[in-house]
């Protein structure tokens, strides 16, 4: 059996699910895409190849190996994009919650059934059907759970709106001892620079009391201000619209002081090192073309 434990985003990582790009399938049709950035690259002829993405994920697997992290991979489903392991499930405390994902991505959830079966029955939760939630929007942070959401009336028309108010309420009910804090995110089906697909696309808490944030990703200014105040202005690294588009906030913490980051994030990586972090740089720009990066491709199961 797997004894799950996730209290926050930064405690020492022991076990993780890492997405897989083998048999990723043909380049999708524009109408089958679920984010504006993928569409942009399909139209430009720069959509990433399977070979490039396999290589990038392998680079992360090597970093995990270096830090003795146990790595699980989804079972390969032929011609299926299984890169973004964070979307399909998430752990809070010792409970594994299956995400109610976009309907045509349900196969991806089946690919981690072998992990699901190793978790005690009373520690597995499938939320009611009306609760839409993806792991990229959910961040356990000790006594808090931060959740990115969208509650505009046009929710049904926005394929980029992934987590709804019903899910926020359900998670609060599951964890009555925690404070659930939700943040309305800016959504766009057509403009990747105006679209915070998930909370981790515009915000990420780090070790040492630091955080990365992009103001324009938040629809409500006082919610953004609450976060800045929570971490303290001097501890927050503000990223630009272009850096958000490059997925600069979507790094991944192995521990309080070790962070995996994309090698092209020069400004961010320099700042992280100045704050005393060890930065493990990997090439991830090809995967980034699908509007997801390091946090999106990893789903932590156990941290100390």
C-alpha atoms as a PDB file:
ATOM      1  CA  UNK A   1       0.000   0.000   0.000  1.00  0.00           C
ATOM      2  CA  UNK A   2       1.053   3.595  -0.590  1.00  0.00           C
ATOM      3  CA  UNK A   3       0.805   5.839   2.472  1.00  0.00           C
ATOM      4  CA  UNK A   4       0.155   9.250   0.992  1.00  0.00           C
ATOM      5  CA  UNK A   5       1.225  12.507   2.621  1.00  0.00           C
ATOM      6  CA  UNK A   6       1.056  15.970   1.056  1.00  0.00           C
ATOM      7  CA  UNK A   7       0.767  18.964   3.396  1.00  0.00           C
ATOM      8  CA  UNK A   8       2.272  21.606   1.124  1.00  0.00           C
ATOM      9  CA  UNK A   9       4.175  22.264  -2.098  1.00  0.00           C
ATOM     10  CA  UNK A  10       7.726  22.279  -0.744  1.00  0.00           C
ATOM     11  CA  UNK A  11       8.428  19.580   1.891  1.00  0.00           C
ATOM     12  CA  UNK A  12      11.000  16.955   0.878  1.00  0.00           C
ATOM     13  CA  UNK A  13       9.549  14.894  -1.978  1.00  0.00           C
ATOM     14  CA  UNK A  14       9.655  11.080  -1.671  1.00  0.00           C
ATOM     15  CA  UNK A  15       7.263   9.811  -4.370  1.00  0.00           C
ATOM     16  CA  UNK A  16       5.738  11.401  -7.466  1.00  0.00           C
ATOM     17  CA  UNK A  17       3.822  10.555 -10.634  1.00  0.00           C
ATOM     18  CA  UNK A  18       5.595  11.961 -13.698  1.00  0.00           C
ATOM     19  CA  UNK A  19       3.688  12.268 -16.987  1.00  0.00           C
ATOM     20  CA  UNK A  20       4.733  10.287 -20.031  1.00  0.00           C
ATOM     21  CA  UNK A  21       4.992  11.294 -23.712  1.00  0.00           C
ATOM     22  CA  UNK A  22       5.427   7.900 -25.399  1.00  0.00           C
ATOM     23  CA  UNK A  23       2.737   7.181 -27.991  1.00  0.00           C
ATOM     24  CA  UNK A  24       1.520  10.750 -27.660  1.00  0.00           C
ATOM     25  CA  UNK A  25      -0.485  10.516 -30.879  1.00  0.00           C
ATOM     26  CA  UNK A  26      -0.628  12.734 -33.972  1.00  0.00           C
ATOM     27  CA  UNK A  27      -0.664  16.537 -33.841  1.00  0.00           C
ATOM     28  CA  UNK A  28      -4.176  17.385 -32.641  1.00  0.00           C
ATOM     29  CA  UNK A  29      -6.705  19.244 -34.767  1.00  0.00           C
ATOM     30  CA  UNK A  30      -7.276  22.839 -33.719  1.00  0.00           C
ATOM     31  CA  UNK A  31     -10.875  22.109 -32.755  1.00  0.00           C
ATOM     32  CA  UNK A  32      -9.710  19.317 -30.413  1.00  0.00           C
ATOM     33  CA  UNK A  33      -7.338  21.520 -28.419  1.00  0.00           C
ATOM     34  CA  UNK A  34      -8.114  22.579 -24.900  1.00  0.00           C
ATOM     35  CA  UNK A  35      -5.865  25.636 -24.583  1.00  0.00           C
ATOM     36  CA  UNK A  36      -4.966  28.661 -26.768  1.00  0.00           C
ATOM     37  CA  UNK A  37      -1.193  28.087 -26.669  1.00  0.00           C
ATOM     38  CA  UNK A  38      -1.380  24.640 -28.289  1.00  0.00           C
ATOM     39  CA  UNK A  39      -3.554  26.135 -31.036  1.00  0.00           C
ATOM     40  CA  UNK A  40      -0.965  28.845 -31.628  1.00  0.00           C
ATOM     41  CA  UNK A  41       1.802  26.245 -32.139  1.00  0.00           C
ATOM     42  CA  UNK A  42      -0.334  23.975 -34.317  1.00  0.00           C
ATOM     43  CA  UNK A  43      -1.100  26.903 -36.636  1.00  0.00           C
ATOM     44  CA  UNK A  44       2.559  27.997 -36.667  1.00  0.00           C
ATOM     45  CA  UNK A  45       3.803  24.470 -37.419  1.00  0.00           C
ATOM     46  CA  UNK A  46       5.869  24.467 -34.200  1.00  0.00           C
ATOM     47  CA  UNK A  47       3.875  21.931 -32.171  1.00  0.00           C
ATOM     48  CA  UNK A  48       6.298  19.752 -30.162  1.00  0.00           C
ATOM     49  CA  UNK A  49       7.348  16.311 -31.389  1.00  0.00           C
ATOM     50  CA  UNK A  50       6.944  13.199 -29.295  1.00  0.00           C
ATOM     51  CA  UNK A  51      10.700  12.601 -29.374  1.00  0.00           C
ATOM     52  CA  UNK A  52      11.457  16.079 -27.970  1.00  0.00           C
ATOM     53  CA  UNK A  53       8.910  15.704 -25.170  1.00  0.00           C
ATOM     54  CA  UNK A  54      10.115  12.218 -24.183  1.00  0.00           C
ATOM     55  CA  UNK A  55      13.628  13.679 -23.882  1.00  0.00           C
ATOM     56  CA  UNK A  56      12.428  16.559 -21.698  1.00  0.00           C
ATOM     57  CA  UNK A  57      10.485  14.288 -19.335  1.00  0.00           C
ATOM     58  CA  UNK A  58      13.522  11.992 -19.096  1.00  0.00           C
ATOM     59  CA  UNK A  59      15.634  14.958 -17.981  1.00  0.00           C
ATOM     60  CA  UNK A  60      13.224  15.500 -15.056  1.00  0.00           C
ATOM     61  CA  UNK A  61      13.220  11.764 -14.245  1.00  0.00           C
ATOM     62  CA  UNK A  62      17.031  11.985 -13.948  1.00  0.00           C
ATOM     63  CA  UNK A  63      16.770  14.865 -11.465  1.00  0.00           C
ATOM     64  CA  UNK A  64      14.321  12.822  -9.372  1.00  0.00           C
ATOM     65  CA  UNK A  65      16.751   9.893  -9.474  1.00  0.00           C
ATOM     66  CA  UNK A  66      19.554  12.163  -8.236  1.00  0.00           C
ATOM     67  CA  UNK A  67      17.435  13.065  -5.179  1.00  0.00           C
ATOM     68  CA  UNK A  68      16.223   9.483  -4.552  1.00  0.00           C
ATOM     69  CA  UNK A  69      12.594  10.237  -5.352  1.00  0.00           C
ATOM     70  CA  UNK A  70      10.439   7.225  -6.283  1.00  0.00           C
ATOM     71  CA  UNK A  71       8.891   7.901  -9.700  1.00  0.00           C
ATOM     72  CA  UNK A  72       5.647   6.355 -10.945  1.00  0.00           C
ATOM     73  CA  UNK A  73       4.602   6.769 -14.582  1.00  0.00           C
ATOM     74  CA  UNK A  74       1.115   6.418 -16.087  1.00  0.00           C
ATOM     75  CA  UNK A  75       0.577   3.240 -18.129  1.00  0.00           C
ATOM     76  CA  UNK A  76       1.000   4.107 -21.793  1.00  0.00           C
ATOM     77  CA  UNK A  77      -2.254   4.460 -23.724  1.00  0.00           C
ATOM     78  CA  UNK A  78      -1.741   4.381 -27.476  1.00  0.00           C
ATOM     79  CA  UNK A  79      -2.078   7.788 -29.201  1.00  0.00           C
ATOM     80  CA  UNK A  80      -2.996   9.655 -26.027  1.00  0.00           C
ATOM     81  CA  UNK A  81      -1.478  12.801 -24.536  1.00  0.00           C
ATOM     82  CA  UNK A  82      -0.525  11.731 -20.999  1.00  0.00           C
ATOM     83  CA  UNK A  83       1.998  14.442 -20.208  1.00  0.00           C
ATOM     84  CA  UNK A  84       0.074  16.447 -17.643  1.00  0.00           C
ATOM     85  CA  UNK A  85      -0.177  14.095 -14.668  1.00  0.00           C
ATOM     86  CA  UNK A  86      -1.206  16.960 -12.376  1.00  0.00           C
ATOM     87  CA  UNK A  87      -4.590  17.338 -14.091  1.00  0.00           C
ATOM     88  CA  UNK A  88      -5.918  13.885 -13.404  1.00  0.00           C
ATOM     89  CA  UNK A  89      -5.689  13.585  -9.607  1.00  0.00           C
ATOM     90  CA  UNK A  90      -4.158  15.233  -6.561  1.00  0.00           C
ATOM     91  CA  UNK A  91      -3.269  14.465  -2.966  1.00  0.00           C
ATOM     92  CA  UNK A  92      -4.179  16.541   0.105  1.00  0.00           C
ATOM     93  CA  UNK A  93      -2.974  15.155   3.464  1.00  0.00           C
ATOM     94  CA  UNK A  94      -3.301  11.369   3.001  1.00  0.00           C
ATOM     95  CA  UNK A  95      -6.235  11.451   0.571  1.00  0.00           C
ATOM     96  CA  UNK A  96      -6.092  10.894  -3.186  1.00  0.00           C
ATOM     97  CA  UNK A  97      -8.791  12.834  -5.024  1.00  0.00           C
ATOM     98  CA  UNK A  98      -9.632  11.940  -8.599  1.00  0.00           C
ATOM     99  CA  UNK A  99     -10.172  15.034 -10.703  1.00  0.00           C
ATOM    100  CA  UNK A 100     -13.336  15.373 -12.753  1.00  0.00           C
ATOM    101  CA  UNK A 101     -11.425  16.205 -15.868  1.00  0.00           C
ATOM    102  CA  UNK A 102     -12.637  17.326 -19.317  1.00  0.00           C
ATOM    103  CA  UNK A 103     -14.799  14.411 -20.545  1.00  0.00           C
ATOM    104  CA  UNK A 104     -12.555  13.341 -23.433  1.00  0.00           C
ATOM    105  CA  UNK A 105      -9.541  12.997 -21.099  1.00  0.00           C
ATOM    106  CA  UNK A 106     -11.007  10.282 -18.889  1.00  0.00           C
ATOM    107  CA  UNK A 107      -8.695   7.628 -20.360  1.00  0.00           C
ATOM    108  CA  UNK A 108      -5.766   9.426 -18.738  1.00  0.00           C
ATOM    109  CA  UNK A 109      -7.226   8.748 -15.293  1.00  0.00           C
ATOM    110  CA  UNK A 110      -7.427   5.001 -16.029  1.00  0.00           C
ATOM    111  CA  UNK A 111      -3.684   4.992 -16.712  1.00  0.00           C
ATOM    112  CA  UNK A 112      -2.951   5.506 -13.001  1.00  0.00           C
ATOM    113  CA  UNK A 113      -5.450   2.886 -11.797  1.00  0.00           C
ATOM    114  CA  UNK A 114      -2.549   0.743 -10.577  1.00  0.00           C
ATOM    115  CA  UNK A 115      -1.587   3.565  -8.164  1.00  0.00           C
ATOM    116  CA  UNK A 116      -5.216   4.187  -7.136  1.00  0.00           C
ATOM    117  CA  UNK A 117      -5.517   0.498  -6.169  1.00  0.00           C
ATOM    118  CA  UNK A 118      -2.519   0.769  -3.831  1.00  0.00           C
ATOM    119  CA  UNK A 119      -4.246   3.447  -1.758  1.00  0.00           C
ATOM    120  CA  UNK A 120      -6.564   2.399   1.091  1.00  0.00           C
ATOM    121  CA  UNK A 121     -10.256   2.483   0.132  1.00  0.00           C
ATOM    122  CA  UNK A 122     -11.126   5.106   2.728  1.00  0.00           C
ATOM    123  CA  UNK A 123      -8.357   7.364   1.411  1.00  0.00           C
ATOM    124  CA  UNK A 124      -9.709   7.560  -2.162  1.00  0.00           C
ATOM    125  CA  UNK A 125     -12.262  10.150  -3.171  1.00  0.00           C
ATOM    126  CA  UNK A 126     -14.150  10.705  -6.400  1.00  0.00           C
ATOM    127  CA  UNK A 127     -15.953  14.037  -6.220  1.00  0.00           C
ATOM    128  CA  UNK A 128     -19.600  14.353  -7.342  1.00  0.00           C
ATOM    129  CA  UNK A 129     -20.101  14.834 -11.070  1.00  0.00           C
ATOM    130  CA  UNK A 130     -20.977  18.545 -10.850  1.00  0.00           C
ATOM    131  CA  UNK A 131     -17.582  19.303  -9.248  1.00  0.00           C
ATOM    132  CA  UNK A 132     -15.088  20.184 -11.972  1.00  0.00           C
ATOM    133  CA  UNK A 133     -11.514  20.381 -10.728  1.00  0.00           C
ATOM    134  CA  UNK A 134      -7.983  19.847 -12.033  1.00  0.00           C
ATOM    135  CA  UNK A 135      -4.859  19.439  -9.930  1.00  0.00           C
ATOM    136  CA  UNK A 136      -3.172  22.499 -11.414  1.00  0.00           C
ATOM    137  CA  UNK A 137      -5.739  24.622  -9.575  1.00  0.00           C
ATOM    138  CA  UNK A 138      -5.271  22.962  -6.177  1.00  0.00           C
ATOM    139  CA  UNK A 139      -2.401  23.827  -3.814  1.00  0.00           C
ATOM    140  CA  UNK A 140      -2.224  22.448  -0.292  1.00  0.00           C
ATOM    141  CA  UNK A 141      -0.330  24.958   1.847  1.00  0.00           C
ATOM    142  CA  UNK A 142      -0.220  23.656   5.424  1.00  0.00           C
ATOM    143  CA  UNK A 143      -3.374  25.022   7.132  1.00  0.00           C
ATOM    144  CA  UNK A 144      -4.614  26.437   3.810  1.00  0.00           C
ATOM    145  CA  UNK A 145      -5.741  25.008   0.505  1.00  0.00           C
ATOM    146  CA  UNK A 146      -5.370  27.526  -2.332  1.00  0.00           C
ATOM    147  CA  UNK A 147      -7.701  26.871  -5.270  1.00  0.00           C
ATOM    148  CA  UNK A 148      -7.876  28.625  -8.642  1.00  0.00           C
ATOM    149  CA  UNK A 149     -11.415  28.856  -9.992  1.00  0.00           C
ATOM    150  CA  UNK A 150     -13.698  30.679 -12.390  1.00  0.00           C
ATOM    151  CA  UNK A 151     -17.324  31.487 -11.616  1.00  0.00           C
ATOM    152  CA  UNK A 152     -18.317  33.750 -14.517  1.00  0.00           C
ATOM    153  CA  UNK A 153     -21.623  33.036 -16.272  1.00  0.00           C
ATOM    154  CA  UNK A 154     -19.696  32.104 -19.420  1.00  0.00           C
ATOM    155  CA  UNK A 155     -18.011  29.171 -17.596  1.00  0.00           C
ATOM    156  CA  UNK A 156     -19.599  26.567 -19.934  1.00  0.00           C
ATOM    157  CA  UNK A 157     -18.245  28.335 -23.036  1.00  0.00           C
ATOM    158  CA  UNK A 158     -14.704  28.556 -21.672  1.00  0.00           C
ATOM    159  CA  UNK A 159     -12.779  25.341 -22.222  1.00  0.00           C
ATOM    160  CA  UNK A 160      -9.969  27.037 -20.273  1.00  0.00           C
ATOM    161  CA  UNK A 161     -12.163  27.274 -17.132  1.00  0.00           C
ATOM    162  CA  UNK A 162     -11.337  24.024 -15.351  1.00  0.00           C
ATOM    163  CA  UNK A 163     -12.336  24.326 -11.692  1.00  0.00           C
ATOM    164  CA  UNK A 164     -15.783  25.460 -10.587  1.00  0.00           C
ATOM    165  CA  UNK A 165     -17.346  26.729  -7.351  1.00  0.00           C
ATOM    166  CA  UNK A 166     -18.969  23.325  -6.651  1.00  0.00           C
ATOM    167  CA  UNK A 167     -15.513  21.767  -6.422  1.00  0.00           C
ATOM    168  CA  UNK A 168     -14.287  24.504  -4.077  1.00  0.00           C
ATOM    169  CA  UNK A 169     -17.224  23.827  -1.731  1.00  0.00           C
ATOM    170  CA  UNK A 170     -16.721  20.044  -1.899  1.00  0.00           C
ATOM    171  CA  UNK A 171     -13.014  20.347  -1.024  1.00  0.00           C
ATOM    172  CA  UNK A 172     -13.831  22.651   1.899  1.00  0.00           C
ATOM    173  CA  UNK A 173     -16.290  20.027   3.181  1.00  0.00           C
ATOM    174  CA  UNK A 174     -13.682  17.268   2.862  1.00  0.00           C
ATOM    175  CA  UNK A 175     -11.123  19.258   4.864  1.00  0.00           C
ATOM    176  CA  UNK A 176     -13.097  21.184   7.497  1.00  0.00           C
ATOM    177  CA  UNK A 177      -9.942  21.912   9.525  1.00  0.00           C
ATOM    178  CA  UNK A 178      -8.272  23.783   6.688  1.00  0.00           C
ATOM    179  CA  UNK A 179      -8.995  27.216   5.282  1.00  0.00           C
ATOM    180  CA  UNK A 180      -9.894  26.982   1.610  1.00  0.00           C
ATOM    181  CA  UNK A 181      -9.013  30.182  -0.203  1.00  0.00           C
ATOM    182  CA  UNK A 182     -10.199  30.453  -3.797  1.00  0.00           C
ATOM    183  CA  UNK A 183      -8.915  32.847  -6.464  1.00  0.00           C
ATOM    184  CA  UNK A 184     -10.807  33.910  -9.584  1.00  0.00           C
ATOM    185  CA  UNK A 185      -8.512  33.474 -12.596  1.00  0.00           C
ATOM    186  CA  UNK A 186      -8.449  35.322 -15.908  1.00  0.00           C
ATOM    187  CA  UNK A 187      -9.573  33.028 -18.741  1.00  0.00           C
ATOM    188  CA  UNK A 188      -9.354  33.234 -22.508  1.00  0.00           C
ATOM    189  CA  UNK A 189      -9.983  30.545 -25.112  1.00  0.00           C
ATOM    190  CA  UNK A 190      -8.094  32.513 -27.746  1.00  0.00           C
ATOM    191  CA  UNK A 191      -5.268  34.548 -26.179  1.00  0.00           C
ATOM    192  CA  UNK A 192      -2.633  32.565 -24.259  1.00  0.00           C
ATOM    193  CA  UNK A 193      -1.164  35.744 -22.761  1.00  0.00           C
ATOM    194  CA  UNK A 194      -4.522  36.583 -21.172  1.00  0.00           C
ATOM    195  CA  UNK A 195      -5.222  33.069 -19.954  1.00  0.00           C
ATOM    196  CA  UNK A 196      -4.309  31.588 -16.571  1.00  0.00           C
ATOM    197  CA  UNK A 197      -5.236  28.000 -17.362  1.00  0.00           C
ATOM    198  CA  UNK A 198      -4.655  26.925 -13.751  1.00  0.00           C
ATOM    199  CA  UNK A 199      -3.594  28.644 -10.534  1.00  0.00           C
ATOM    200  CA  UNK A 200      -0.048  27.317 -11.004  1.00  0.00           C
ATOM    201  CA  UNK A 201       0.142  29.219 -14.306  1.00  0.00           C
ATOM    202  CA  UNK A 202       0.207  32.524 -12.418  1.00  0.00           C
ATOM    203  CA  UNK A 203       1.261  31.629  -8.865  1.00  0.00           C
ATOM    204  CA  UNK A 204       3.518  29.147  -7.083  1.00  0.00           C
ATOM    205  CA  UNK A 205       4.556  29.061  -3.422  1.00  0.00           C
ATOM    206  CA  UNK A 206       8.212  28.122  -2.871  1.00  0.00           C
ATOM    207  CA  UNK A 207      10.348  27.118   0.101  1.00  0.00           C
ATOM    208  CA  UNK A 208      11.897  29.704   2.458  1.00  0.00           C
ATOM    209  CA  UNK A 209       8.603  31.644   2.501  1.00  0.00           C
ATOM    210  CA  UNK A 210       8.995  32.817  -1.126  1.00  0.00           C
ATOM    211  CA  UNK A 211       6.505  32.784  -4.004  1.00  0.00           C
ATOM    212  CA  UNK A 212       6.194  33.537  -7.748  1.00  0.00           C
ATOM    213  CA  UNK A 213       3.173  35.519  -8.916  1.00  0.00           C
ATOM    214  CA  UNK A 214       1.691  37.231 -11.986  1.00  0.00           C
ATOM    215  CA  UNK A 215      -0.811  39.945 -11.157  1.00  0.00           C
ATOM    216  CA  UNK A 216      -2.795  39.858 -14.412  1.00  0.00           C
ATOM    217  CA  UNK A 217      -3.576  36.158 -13.940  1.00  0.00           C
ATOM    218  CA  UNK A 218      -6.001  37.166 -11.169  1.00  0.00           C
ATOM    219  CA  UNK A 219      -9.382  38.653 -12.037  1.00  0.00           C
ATOM    220  CA  UNK A 220      -9.874  40.294  -8.660  1.00  0.00           C
ATOM    221  CA  UNK A 221      -7.092  42.589  -7.531  1.00  0.00           C
ATOM    222  CA  UNK A 222      -7.708  42.186  -3.802  1.00  0.00           C
ATOM    223  CA  UNK A 223      -7.274  38.405  -4.122  1.00  0.00           C
ATOM    224  CA  UNK A 224      -3.879  38.958  -5.718  1.00  0.00           C
ATOM    225  CA  UNK A 225      -3.060  41.501  -3.001  1.00  0.00           C
ATOM    226  CA  UNK A 226      -4.051  39.008  -0.297  1.00  0.00           C
ATOM    227  CA  UNK A 227      -1.440  36.566  -1.602  1.00  0.00           C
ATOM    228  CA  UNK A 228       1.292  39.227  -1.814  1.00  0.00           C
ATOM    229  CA  UNK A 229       0.525  40.218   1.762  1.00  0.00           C
ATOM    230  CA  UNK A 230       0.410  36.591   2.895  1.00  0.00           C
ATOM    231  CA  UNK A 231       3.958  35.950   1.653  1.00  0.00           C
ATOM    232  CA  UNK A 232       5.251  39.512   2.129  1.00  0.00           C
ATOM    233  CA  UNK A 233       6.111  41.776  -0.808  1.00  0.00           C
ATOM    234  CA  UNK A 234       9.855  41.294  -0.297  1.00  0.00           C
ATOM    235  CA  UNK A 235       9.440  37.505  -0.706  1.00  0.00           C
ATOM    236  CA  UNK A 236       7.473  37.597  -3.942  1.00  0.00           C
ATOM    237  CA  UNK A 237       8.965  37.380  -7.428  1.00  0.00           C
ATOM    238  CA  UNK A 238       6.606  39.178  -9.842  1.00  0.00           C
ATOM    239  CA  UNK A 239       6.675  37.793 -13.380  1.00  0.00           C
ATOM    240  CA  UNK A 240       5.738  39.703 -16.535  1.00  0.00           C
ATOM    241  CA  UNK A 241       2.971  38.771 -18.960  1.00  0.00           C
ATOM    242  CA  UNK A 242       5.545  37.244 -21.292  1.00  0.00           C
ATOM    243  CA  UNK A 243       7.124  35.262 -18.459  1.00  0.00           C
ATOM    244  CA  UNK A 244       3.704  33.956 -17.493  1.00  0.00           C
ATOM    245  CA  UNK A 245       3.184  32.946 -21.122  1.00  0.00           C
ATOM    246  CA  UNK A 246       6.518  31.066 -20.969  1.00  0.00           C
ATOM    247  CA  UNK A 247       5.171  29.349 -17.806  1.00  0.00           C
ATOM    248  CA  UNK A 248       7.737  30.892 -15.422  1.00  0.00           C
ATOM    249  CA  UNK A 249       5.590  30.280 -12.347  1.00  0.00           C
ATOM    250  CA  UNK A 250       5.249  26.594 -13.166  1.00  0.00           C
ATOM    251  CA  UNK A 251       8.431  25.334 -11.510  1.00  0.00           C
ATOM    252  CA  UNK A 252       8.494  22.365  -9.132  1.00  0.00           C
ATOM    253  CA  UNK A 253       9.929  22.070  -5.616  1.00  0.00           C
ATOM    254  CA  UNK A 254      11.726  18.883  -4.566  1.00  0.00           C
ATOM    255  CA  UNK A 255      12.312  20.373  -1.118  1.00  0.00           C
ATOM    256  CA  UNK A 256      12.412  23.672   0.775  1.00  0.00           C
ATOM    257  CA  UNK A 257      15.623  24.586  -1.020  1.00  0.00           C
ATOM    258  CA  UNK A 258      15.731  22.584  -4.281  1.00  0.00           C
ATOM    259  CA  UNK A 259      13.683  23.662  -7.302  1.00  0.00           C
ATOM    260  CA  UNK A 260      13.456  22.214 -10.814  1.00  0.00           C
ATOM    261  CA  UNK A 261      13.185  25.049 -13.339  1.00  0.00           C
ATOM    262  CA  UNK A 262      13.316  25.537 -17.108  1.00  0.00           C
ATOM    263  CA  UNK A 263      16.826  26.400 -18.286  1.00  0.00           C
ATOM    264  CA  UNK A 264      15.677  29.465 -20.269  1.00  0.00           C
ATOM    265  CA  UNK A 265      14.148  31.187 -17.224  1.00  0.00           C
ATOM    266  CA  UNK A 266      17.284  33.311 -16.768  1.00  0.00           C
ATOM    267  CA  UNK A 267      15.785  36.121 -14.702  1.00  0.00           C
ATOM    268  CA  UNK A 268      13.867  33.766 -12.411  1.00  0.00           C
ATOM    269  CA  UNK A 269      16.710  31.264 -11.967  1.00  0.00           C
ATOM    270  CA  UNK A 270      19.153  34.037 -11.081  1.00  0.00           C
ATOM    271  CA  UNK A 271      16.720  35.357  -8.442  1.00  0.00           C
ATOM    272  CA  UNK A 272      16.140  31.849  -7.039  1.00  0.00           C
ATOM    273  CA  UNK A 273      19.880  31.326  -6.619  1.00  0.00           C
ATOM    274  CA  UNK A 274      20.189  34.727  -4.955  1.00  0.00           C
ATOM    275  CA  UNK A 275      17.566  33.543  -2.444  1.00  0.00           C
ATOM    276  CA  UNK A 276      19.727  30.512  -1.662  1.00  0.00           C
ATOM    277  CA  UNK A 277      17.885  27.848  -3.666  1.00  0.00           C
ATOM    278  CA  UNK A 278      19.600  25.044  -5.561  1.00  0.00           C
ATOM    279  CA  UNK A 279      18.162  25.273  -9.080  1.00  0.00           C
ATOM    280  CA  UNK A 280      18.134  22.113 -11.176  1.00  0.00           C
ATOM    281  CA  UNK A 281      17.746  23.389 -14.741  1.00  0.00           C
ATOM    282  CA  UNK A 282      16.113  21.205 -17.386  1.00  0.00           C
ATOM    283  CA  UNK A 283      15.038  21.805 -21.011  1.00  0.00           C
ATOM    284  CA  UNK A 284      11.222  21.980 -20.993  1.00  0.00           C
ATOM    285  CA  UNK A 285      10.359  24.555 -23.642  1.00  0.00           C
ATOM    286  CA  UNK A 286       8.747  22.012 -25.990  1.00  0.00           C
ATOM    287  CA  UNK A 287       6.343  20.763 -23.331  1.00  0.00           C
ATOM    288  CA  UNK A 288       5.668  24.421 -22.456  1.00  0.00           C
ATOM    289  CA  UNK A 289       4.086  24.880 -25.890  1.00  0.00           C
ATOM    290  CA  UNK A 290       0.995  23.102 -24.562  1.00  0.00           C
ATOM    291  CA  UNK A 291       0.456  25.635 -21.777  1.00  0.00           C
ATOM    292  CA  UNK A 292       1.861  23.459 -19.004  1.00  0.00           C
ATOM    293  CA  UNK A 293       5.294  23.029 -17.460  1.00  0.00           C
ATOM    294  CA  UNK A 294       7.030  21.338 -14.528  1.00  0.00           C
ATOM    295  CA  UNK A 295       4.284  21.458 -11.915  1.00  0.00           C
ATOM    296  CA  UNK A 296       1.725  20.346 -14.526  1.00  0.00           C
ATOM    297  CA  UNK A 297       3.646  17.197 -15.443  1.00  0.00           C
ATOM    298  CA  UNK A 298       4.179  16.035 -11.849  1.00  0.00           C
ATOM    299  CA  UNK A 299       1.726  14.769  -9.247  1.00  0.00           C
ATOM    300  CA  UNK A 300       3.334  14.376  -5.804  1.00  0.00           C
ATOM    301  CA  UNK A 301       2.200  11.439  -3.665  1.00  0.00           C
ATOM    302  CA  UNK A 302       4.491  11.604  -0.646  1.00  0.00           C
ATOM    303  CA  UNK A 303       6.431  14.436   0.955  1.00  0.00           C
ATOM    304  CA  UNK A 304       8.050  14.277   4.402  1.00  0.00           C
END
